[in-house]
Amino acid sequence: MKLLLRLSGALLVALTAQVSAADMGGIATRYVQLVLTLGNHDPAYVDAYYGPADWAEQAKNDKASPGELASQAQSLRQQLGAIPDSGENEMTALRRHYLDVQLGALAAHAQSLDKGQRPDFQTQTKSLYDTNPPGAPLSSFDPILDAIADLVPGDGPLDERIEAFLKRFEIPDDKLSAVFDAAIAECRKRTEAYLTLPKGEDFTLEYVKDKPWSGYNWYQGKSQSLIQINTDLPVRIDRAVDLGCHEGYPGHHTYNAMLEAALVDGRGWVEFSVYPLFSPQSLIAEGSANYGIELAFPGEEKLAFEKAVLYPLAGLDPAAAQDYERVQVLKQRLSFARNEIARQYINGEIDRKQAVKLSQKYGPASAQRAEQSVRFIDTYGAYVINYNWGRELVKRYIEKDNADPAARWQRFGELLSSPRLPSSLSR
């Protein structure tokens, strides 16, 4: 009798788990359809979709308003919370959390569209990106500006001096393809040494103009991407490896391809066939893409590769590479100043002209580059936090317990193949 009871109990748990998975799958399907329909009201919202074609067609004809979509998303969250937890394994628990938080972000973005205005900076970061990034007064970055000024010779405003200095490191237009091809090949080689990429993965590279970003990965599904590099402004030598890693290996292209292979193809989780841009998934995507640069090129390896390969290909003097690197290291420490400028601008504490001026100062950057930086904020709002704060969160997660290089790559690969969001990085 006891044996029968034990068997009945085990059978009940198994059946409950099957019902829970089916219920979660139904919610996941509806989540995808809501994301696609919300794309009718915001063309930038659906960054990638490679699920059933008829779902996309149905969404185009769905007349639901943003307010109605927000209500439907909140209803799905309630349904999700009502599904019994029958001893879920880690991946299923992460999936449940992913759907809940992504639906919350969908509802928040739909509500802002319904009201016709973006919320304040802090509300955006929490409701859309599942995080509260630290703040810092702009004055705290002044010592970094002083350190840069010591490295850059000349008189006049620092932004003009540094622009003249950095101009020496611009890749000539006729050398751009050769430099980027070499950088991407090296990024891929280093990534393949640690990660198993999906068979047949590849991407097409294009050079474009008149965009608010410097580079973009448009994932197409089936392990294929279109990567675009914006050439509105001259591209400097460090951007070859940075964009090669960030957009390609082990960045966005790798992340999307591994997610598709592990979760869509491997587990049939349809929610990963769509990528809503204004969502917590973007912090993982941008943070892992930026962290992937130092993972692939630790220590001095990036500089050594640039001096040996990229500088000669670009027709630049490798002897000047070390000076350029010193300035770039300091400029990276200024990246969080952009968050504060975005916060003040979005919250109405400064106007657009002031935002451009502050971007010039704390770039430090030319008026053109500062204008492009503010144009990005105009287009994407608080999304800027995903690059620097996202990188910091991913770095902490990957390097916890003083992981060695091989362990870091293993943990990184697991992150790219799992449904983790910012609030689940501590799990």
Protein backbone atom coordinates (compact mmCIF):
# COMPACT_ATOMS: atom_id res chain seq x y z
CA MET A 1 0.00 0.00 0.00
CA LYS A 2 2.80 2.42 0.95
CA LEU A 3 4.52 1.65 -2.36
CA LEU A 4 1.30 2.39 -4.24
CA LEU A 5 0.92 5.67 -2.36
CA ARG A 6 4.49 6.63 -3.19
CA LEU A 7 3.92 5.79 -6.83
CA SER A 8 0.65 7.72 -6.85
CA GLY A 9 2.40 10.71 -5.29
CA ALA A 10 5.20 10.62 -7.84
CA LEU A 11 2.68 10.27 -10.66
CA LEU A 12 0.70 13.24 -9.32
CA VAL A 13 3.84 15.40 -9.22
CA ALA A 14 4.72 14.37 -12.78
CA LEU A 15 1.22 15.11 -14.04
CA THR A 16 1.15 18.47 -12.23
CA ALA A 17 4.49 19.37 -13.79
CA GLN A 18 3.13 18.51 -17.24
CA VAL A 19 0.04 20.67 -16.68
CA SER A 20 2.22 23.54 -15.38
CA ALA A 21 4.48 23.34 -18.41
CA ALA A 22 1.48 23.35 -20.76
CA ASP A 23 -0.05 26.34 -18.97
CA MET A 24 3.27 28.20 -19.07
CA GLY A 25 3.59 27.39 -22.77
CA GLY A 26 0.17 28.92 -23.44
CA ILE A 27 1.15 32.08 -21.58
CA ALA A 28 4.43 32.18 -23.51
CA THR A 29 2.54 32.01 -26.81
CA ARG A 30 0.27 34.86 -25.79
CA TYR A 31 3.28 36.88 -24.59
CA VAL A 32 4.87 36.62 -28.05
CA GLN A 33 1.63 37.73 -29.69
CA LEU A 34 1.34 40.73 -27.33
CA VAL A 35 4.92 41.79 -28.10
CA LEU A 36 4.22 41.62 -31.84
CA THR A 37 0.98 43.58 -31.49
CA LEU A 38 2.61 46.28 -29.36
CA GLY A 39 5.05 46.65 -32.25
CA ASN A 40 2.15 48.19 -34.21
CA HIS A 41 2.38 51.18 -31.87
CA ASP A 42 6.19 51.44 -31.64
CA PRO A 43 8.24 50.42 -34.71
CA ALA A 44 11.42 50.12 -32.59
CA TYR A 45 9.90 47.74 -30.06
CA VAL A 46 10.26 44.38 -31.83
CA ASP A 47 13.99 44.08 -32.34
CA ALA A 48 13.85 40.51 -33.68
CA TYR A 49 11.23 37.87 -34.43
CA TYR A 50 11.67 34.47 -36.01
CA GLY A 51 8.63 32.54 -34.82
CA PRO A 52 5.58 31.43 -36.82
CA ALA A 53 4.91 33.81 -39.72
CA ASP A 54 1.15 33.68 -39.20
CA TRP A 55 1.53 35.11 -35.68
CA ALA A 56 3.24 38.18 -37.13
CA GLU A 57 0.50 38.53 -39.75
CA GLN A 58 -2.24 38.19 -37.14
CA ALA A 59 -0.53 40.82 -34.98
CA LYS A 60 -0.52 43.33 -37.85
CA ASN A 61 -4.30 43.06 -38.00
CA ASP A 62 -4.80 43.24 -34.22
CA LYS A 63 -6.40 46.61 -33.38
CA ALA A 64 -5.83 46.42 -29.62
CA SER A 65 -4.73 49.74 -28.12
CA PRO A 66 -1.61 50.05 -25.95
CA GLY A 67 -3.83 50.36 -22.88
CA GLU A 68 -5.65 47.14 -23.75
CA LEU A 69 -2.33 45.36 -24.33
CA ALA A 70 -1.07 46.54 -20.95
CA SER A 71 -4.17 45.07 -19.28
CA GLN A 72 -3.76 41.79 -21.13
CA ALA A 73 -0.11 41.57 -20.06
CA GLN A 74 -1.03 42.10 -16.40
CA SER A 75 -3.75 39.46 -16.71
CA LEU A 76 -1.18 37.00 -18.05
CA ARG A 77 1.06 37.75 -15.07
CA GLN A 78 -1.79 36.83 -12.74
CA GLN A 79 -2.38 33.59 -14.64
CA LEU A 80 1.31 32.80 -14.43
CA GLY A 81 1.33 33.38 -10.68
CA ALA A 82 -1.61 30.99 -10.29
CA ILE A 83 0.25 28.07 -11.90
CA PRO A 84 1.32 25.72 -9.09
CA ASP A 85 5.03 25.31 -8.43
CA SER A 86 5.52 21.56 -8.42
CA GLY A 87 9.16 21.47 -7.44
CA GLU A 88 10.42 23.28 -10.54
CA ASN A 89 14.02 22.77 -11.62
CA GLU A 90 16.30 25.78 -12.02
CA MET A 91 15.62 26.37 -15.70
CA THR A 92 11.85 26.16 -15.32
CA ALA A 93 11.97 28.55 -12.36
CA LEU A 94 14.08 30.94 -14.41
CA ARG A 95 11.59 30.65 -17.25
CA ARG A 96 8.69 31.50 -14.95
CA HIS A 97 10.60 34.52 -13.63
CA TYR A 98 11.54 35.58 -17.17
CA LEU A 99 7.94 35.54 -18.39
CA ASP A 100 6.72 37.42 -15.33
CA VAL A 101 9.30 40.21 -15.52
CA GLN A 102 9.15 40.55 -19.32
CA LEU A 103 5.35 40.78 -19.18
CA GLY A 104 5.71 43.50 -16.54
CA ALA A 105 8.05 45.46 -18.79
CA LEU A 106 5.67 44.97 -21.74
CA ALA A 107 2.81 46.38 -19.65
CA ALA A 108 4.95 49.34 -18.54
CA HIS A 109 5.97 50.22 -22.10
CA ALA A 110 2.40 49.83 -23.34
CA GLN A 111 1.15 52.14 -20.58
CA SER A 112 3.70 54.82 -21.51
CA LEU A 113 2.60 54.59 -25.15
CA ASP A 114 -1.02 54.83 -24.06
CA LYS A 115 -0.26 58.02 -22.12
CA GLY A 116 1.83 59.41 -24.97
CA GLN A 117 4.88 60.18 -22.86
CA ARG A 118 7.89 58.46 -21.36
CA PRO A 119 8.11 58.15 -17.58
CA ASP A 120 11.03 59.56 -15.63
CA PHE A 121 14.49 58.01 -15.82
CA GLN A 122 14.24 55.96 -12.61
CA THR A 123 10.84 54.57 -13.53
CA GLN A 124 12.16 53.51 -16.93
CA THR A 125 15.21 51.71 -15.55
CA LYS A 126 13.16 49.73 -13.02
CA SER A 127 10.01 49.00 -15.03
CA LEU A 128 11.69 48.34 -18.39
CA TYR A 129 15.13 47.00 -17.43
CA ASP A 130 14.58 45.36 -14.04
CA THR A 131 17.32 47.32 -12.26
CA ASN A 132 18.20 50.42 -10.27
CA PRO A 133 21.55 51.67 -11.56
CA PRO A 134 23.69 53.73 -9.19
CA GLY A 135 23.92 57.45 -9.73
CA ALA A 136 26.88 59.80 -9.46
CA PRO A 137 27.12 63.59 -9.70
CA LEU A 138 28.82 64.81 -12.86
CA SER A 139 31.41 66.61 -10.75
CA SER A 140 32.71 63.22 -9.59
CA PHE A 141 33.98 62.64 -13.14
CA ASP A 142 36.06 65.83 -13.23
CA PRO A 143 39.26 64.14 -11.97
CA ILE A 144 39.06 61.76 -14.95
CA LEU A 145 38.81 64.75 -17.29
CA ASP A 146 41.89 66.22 -15.61
CA ALA A 147 43.78 62.95 -16.17
CA ILE A 148 42.80 62.94 -19.86
CA ALA A 149 43.87 66.58 -20.19
CA ASP A 150 47.34 65.62 -18.93
CA LEU A 151 47.63 63.04 -21.73
CA VAL A 152 46.40 65.24 -24.55
CA PRO A 153 48.75 68.07 -25.60
CA GLY A 154 47.71 71.52 -26.81
CA ASP A 155 45.69 74.53 -25.75
CA GLY A 156 42.00 75.29 -25.92
CA PRO A 157 38.91 73.35 -24.72
CA LEU A 158 39.52 69.69 -23.89
CA ASP A 159 36.87 68.41 -26.31
CA GLU A 160 38.65 70.16 -29.20
CA ARG A 161 42.07 68.95 -28.10
CA ILE A 162 40.97 65.37 -27.70
CA GLU A 163 39.12 65.42 -31.02
CA ALA A 164 42.35 66.52 -32.73
CA PHE A 165 44.28 63.80 -30.89
CA LEU A 166 41.77 61.05 -31.73
CA LYS A 167 41.60 62.07 -35.38
CA ARG A 168 45.02 60.47 -35.82
CA PHE A 169 43.41 57.09 -35.12
CA GLU A 170 40.56 57.15 -37.62
CA ILE A 171 40.36 54.26 -40.07
CA PRO A 172 40.45 55.53 -43.69
CA ASP A 173 37.27 54.68 -45.58
CA ASP A 174 39.10 52.51 -48.09
CA LYS A 175 40.65 50.46 -45.25
CA LEU A 176 37.45 49.97 -43.25
CA SER A 177 36.40 46.60 -44.67
CA ALA A 178 39.86 45.03 -44.33
CA VAL A 179 40.19 46.20 -40.73
CA PHE A 180 36.73 45.05 -39.68
CA ASP A 181 37.06 41.71 -41.45
CA ALA A 182 40.32 41.01 -39.60
CA ALA A 183 38.89 42.11 -36.26
CA ILE A 184 35.74 40.02 -36.63
CA ALA A 185 37.74 36.96 -37.67
CA GLU A 186 39.85 37.25 -34.53
CA CYS A 187 36.79 37.78 -32.32
CA ARG A 188 35.22 34.65 -33.81
CA LYS A 189 38.38 32.56 -33.41
CA ARG A 190 38.71 33.49 -29.75
CA THR A 191 35.02 32.80 -29.09
CA GLU A 192 35.09 29.42 -30.84
CA ALA A 193 38.00 28.35 -28.64
CA TYR A 194 35.58 28.27 -25.68
CA LEU A 195 31.99 28.21 -26.95
CA THR A 196 30.30 25.78 -29.32
CA LEU A 197 28.48 27.94 -31.82
CA PRO A 198 25.39 26.63 -33.66
CA LYS A 199 26.24 24.91 -36.93
CA GLY A 200 25.97 27.18 -39.95
CA GLU A 201 25.80 30.42 -37.95
CA ASP A 202 26.85 33.51 -39.90
CA PHE A 203 26.09 37.16 -40.47
CA THR A 204 26.13 39.79 -43.20
CA LEU A 205 28.01 43.04 -42.57
CA GLU A 206 26.80 46.37 -43.97
CA TYR A 207 27.99 49.96 -43.67
CA VAL A 208 25.17 52.51 -43.27
CA LYS A 209 24.57 56.18 -42.46
CA ASP A 210 22.07 58.45 -40.67
CA LYS A 211 21.52 56.27 -37.59
CA PRO A 212 21.40 57.17 -33.88
CA TRP A 213 23.75 54.28 -33.02
CA SER A 214 27.29 53.26 -33.98
CA GLY A 215 26.50 49.61 -34.68
CA TYR A 216 23.45 47.32 -34.67
CA ASN A 217 22.75 43.60 -34.88
CA TRP A 218 19.49 42.62 -36.55
CA TYR A 219 19.01 38.95 -35.71
CA GLN A 220 17.20 37.03 -38.43
CA GLY A 221 16.73 33.61 -36.83
CA LYS A 222 18.29 30.27 -37.80
CA SER A 223 21.63 31.57 -36.46
CA GLN A 224 21.82 34.38 -39.04
CA SER A 225 22.27 38.11 -38.42
CA LEU A 226 22.56 41.38 -40.30
CA ILE A 227 25.15 43.63 -38.65
CA GLN A 228 25.26 47.30 -39.62
CA ILE A 229 28.06 49.75 -38.86
CA ASN A 230 27.17 53.45 -38.90
CA THR A 231 29.73 55.56 -40.76
CA ASP A 232 28.12 58.98 -40.23
CA LEU A 233 31.26 59.85 -38.27
CA PRO A 234 34.77 58.50 -38.88
CA VAL A 235 35.35 55.11 -37.23
CA ARG A 236 38.35 54.91 -34.92
CA ILE A 237 40.68 51.95 -34.68
CA ASP A 238 39.48 50.68 -31.27
CA ARG A 239 35.92 50.32 -32.60
CA ALA A 240 36.89 47.45 -34.89
CA VAL A 241 37.44 44.96 -32.07
CA ASP A 242 34.78 46.57 -29.88
CA LEU A 243 32.06 46.31 -32.52
CA GLY A 244 33.33 42.96 -33.78
CA CYS A 245 32.89 41.53 -30.29
CA HIS A 246 29.81 43.51 -29.26
CA GLU A 247 27.73 42.91 -32.38
CA GLY A 248 29.23 39.55 -33.36
CA TYR A 249 31.44 37.28 -31.23
CA PRO A 250 30.77 36.71 -28.38
CA GLY A 251 28.16 39.50 -28.38
CA HIS A 252 24.69 39.91 -29.85
CA HIS A 253 24.98 37.47 -32.74
CA THR A 254 26.36 34.77 -30.44
CA TYR A 255 23.79 35.48 -27.71
CA ASN A 256 20.81 35.30 -30.05
CA ALA A 257 22.07 32.22 -31.87
CA MET A 258 22.77 30.34 -28.62
CA LEU A 259 19.41 31.35 -27.12
CA GLU A 260 17.62 30.13 -30.22
CA ALA A 261 19.52 26.84 -30.28
CA ALA A 262 19.17 26.11 -26.55
CA LEU A 263 15.70 27.44 -25.73
CA VAL A 264 13.64 27.67 -28.93
CA ASP A 265 15.00 24.63 -30.78
CA GLY A 266 16.15 22.67 -27.72
CA ARG A 267 13.20 23.24 -25.38
CA GLY A 268 10.44 24.62 -27.59
CA TRP A 269 10.16 27.82 -25.54
CA VAL A 270 8.50 30.14 -28.05
CA GLU A 271 8.96 33.27 -25.94
CA PHE A 272 12.59 33.37 -27.07
CA SER A 273 11.60 33.68 -30.72
CA VAL A 274 10.88 37.36 -30.11
CA TYR A 275 13.10 40.08 -28.66
CA PRO A 276 11.35 43.23 -27.35
CA LEU A 277 13.92 46.00 -27.24
CA PHE A 278 12.57 47.91 -24.25
CA SER A 279 12.77 44.99 -21.83
CA PRO A 280 15.07 43.49 -19.17
CA GLN A 281 16.48 41.12 -21.78
CA SER A 282 18.26 44.13 -23.30
CA LEU A 283 20.37 44.65 -20.19
CA ILE A 284 21.62 41.07 -20.47
CA ALA A 285 22.14 41.45 -24.22
CA GLU A 286 24.05 44.75 -24.05
CA GLY A 287 25.87 43.91 -20.83
CA SER A 288 27.11 40.55 -22.10
CA ALA A 289 28.08 42.09 -25.45
CA ASN A 290 30.21 44.75 -23.75
CA TYR A 291 31.69 42.36 -21.22
CA GLY A 292 32.45 39.98 -24.08
CA ILE A 293 35.12 42.40 -25.34
CA GLU A 294 37.32 41.99 -22.27
CA LEU A 295 36.48 38.30 -22.02
CA ALA A 296 37.74 37.68 -25.56
CA PHE A 297 40.69 40.07 -25.23
CA PRO A 298 41.80 40.04 -21.57
CA GLY A 299 44.52 42.30 -20.23
CA GLU A 300 46.82 43.68 -22.90
CA GLU A 301 45.72 41.24 -25.61
CA LYS A 302 43.44 43.70 -27.41
CA LEU A 303 46.17 46.30 -27.65
CA ALA A 304 48.72 43.70 -28.81
CA PHE A 305 46.38 42.46 -31.55
CA GLU A 306 45.57 45.98 -32.70
CA LYS A 307 49.26 46.93 -32.89
CA ALA A 308 50.27 43.76 -34.71
CA VAL A 309 47.34 43.45 -37.14
CA LEU A 310 44.83 46.30 -37.24
CA TYR A 311 47.11 49.34 -37.16
CA PRO A 312 49.13 48.14 -40.19
CA LEU A 313 45.93 47.25 -42.07
CA ALA A 314 44.57 50.74 -41.40
CA GLY A 315 47.83 52.42 -42.35
CA LEU A 316 48.20 53.84 -38.83
CA ASP A 317 51.36 54.05 -36.72
CA PRO A 318 51.48 51.22 -34.15
CA ALA A 319 53.99 53.22 -32.12
CA ALA A 320 51.18 55.58 -31.10
CA ALA A 321 48.86 52.76 -29.97
CA GLN A 322 49.88 52.86 -26.32
CA ASP A 323 49.10 56.58 -26.01
CA TYR A 324 45.72 56.03 -27.63
CA GLU A 325 44.97 53.12 -25.28
CA ARG A 326 45.70 55.23 -22.19
CA VAL A 327 43.16 57.80 -23.30
CA GLN A 328 40.56 55.13 -24.17
CA VAL A 329 40.87 53.51 -20.74
CA LEU A 330 40.12 56.87 -19.10
CA LYS A 331 37.25 57.59 -21.50
CA GLN A 332 35.66 54.26 -20.57
CA ARG A 333 35.62 55.38 -16.95
CA LEU A 334 33.49 58.33 -18.09
CA SER A 335 30.76 56.08 -19.48
CA PHE A 336 28.60 56.39 -16.35
CA ALA A 337 28.53 60.17 -16.83
CA ARG A 338 26.27 59.49 -19.81
CA ASN A 339 23.73 57.90 -17.46
CA GLU A 340 23.62 61.04 -15.35
CA ILE A 341 23.25 63.27 -18.40
CA ALA A 342 20.40 61.02 -19.61
CA ARG A 343 18.77 61.15 -16.17
CA GLN A 344 18.84 64.95 -16.02
CA TYR A 345 17.66 65.30 -19.63
CA ILE A 346 14.83 62.77 -19.41
CA ASN A 347 13.66 64.19 -16.06
CA GLY A 348 13.53 67.70 -17.53
CA GLU A 349 16.29 69.12 -15.32
CA ILE A 350 18.25 70.20 -18.41
CA ASP A 351 17.18 70.93 -21.99
CA ARG A 352 18.52 69.36 -25.14
CA LYS A 353 21.12 72.06 -25.75
CA GLN A 354 22.50 71.57 -22.24
CA ALA A 355 22.53 67.79 -22.74
CA VAL A 356 24.65 68.21 -25.87
CA LYS A 357 27.03 70.57 -24.06
CA LEU A 358 27.45 68.18 -21.15
CA SER A 359 28.00 65.29 -23.58
CA GLN A 360 30.76 67.34 -25.20
CA LYS A 361 32.39 67.96 -21.86
CA TYR A 362 32.08 64.51 -20.36
CA GLY A 363 32.61 62.58 -23.60
CA PRO A 364 34.81 64.42 -24.07
CA ALA A 365 33.62 64.65 -27.65
CA SER A 366 33.10 66.89 -30.64
CA ALA A 367 29.79 68.68 -31.11
CA GLN A 368 28.87 66.11 -33.80
CA ARG A 369 29.53 63.12 -31.57
CA ALA A 370 27.78 64.76 -28.62
CA GLU A 371 24.79 65.40 -30.85
CA GLN A 372 24.73 61.72 -31.87
CA SER A 373 24.88 60.70 -28.20
CA VAL A 374 21.87 62.87 -27.31
CA ARG A 375 20.03 61.70 -30.42
CA PHE A 376 20.36 58.19 -29.04
CA ILE A 377 18.72 59.28 -25.77
CA ASP A 378 15.96 61.00 -27.75
CA THR A 379 15.31 57.71 -29.54
CA TYR A 380 15.83 55.11 -26.81
CA GLY A 381 15.49 56.94 -23.48
CA ALA A 382 17.07 55.27 -20.44
CA TYR A 383 18.31 52.37 -22.60
CA VAL A 384 21.80 53.87 -22.21
CA ILE A 385 22.19 52.18 -18.80
CA ASN A 386 22.26 48.75 -20.41
CA TYR A 387 25.74 49.30 -21.85
CA ASN A 388 27.72 50.33 -18.77
CA TRP A 389 25.61 49.17 -15.83
CA GLY A 390 24.68 46.03 -17.78
CA ARG A 391 28.36 45.30 -18.35
CA GLU A 392 29.05 45.78 -14.65
CA LEU A 393 26.27 43.39 -13.58
CA VAL A 394 27.33 40.73 -16.08
CA LYS A 395 30.98 41.12 -15.05
CA ARG A 396 30.08 40.58 -11.38
CA TYR A 397 28.03 37.51 -12.25
CA ILE A 398 30.68 35.94 -14.46
CA GLU A 399 33.66 36.72 -12.24
CA LYS A 400 32.14 35.88 -8.86
CA ASP A 401 34.20 33.46 -6.76
CA ASN A 402 37.32 34.64 -8.62
CA ALA A 403 36.57 32.39 -11.57
CA ASP A 404 39.57 31.60 -13.79
CA PRO A 405 39.43 32.35 -17.55
CA ALA A 406 38.07 28.92 -18.53
CA ALA A 407 35.40 29.07 -15.80
CA ARG A 408 34.44 32.58 -16.92
CA TRP A 409 33.86 31.40 -20.46
CA GLN A 410 31.82 28.44 -19.20
CA ARG A 411 29.65 30.69 -17.04
CA PHE A 412 29.33 33.17 -19.89
CA GLY A 413 28.15 30.43 -22.26
CA GLU A 414 25.59 29.30 -19.69
CA LEU A 415 24.33 32.88 -19.36
CA LEU A 416 23.90 33.16 -23.13
CA SER A 417 21.88 29.95 -23.17
CA SER A 418 19.58 30.66 -20.24
CA PRO A 419 16.52 32.83 -19.49
CA ARG A 420 18.32 35.00 -16.94
CA LEU A 421 17.36 38.62 -16.38
CA PRO A 422 19.03 41.28 -14.19
CA SER A 423 17.10 40.28 -11.07
CA SER A 424 18.03 36.62 -11.56
CA LEU A 425 21.79 37.18 -11.90
CA SER A 426 22.13 36.70 -8.15
CA ARG A 427 20.53 33.24 -8.30
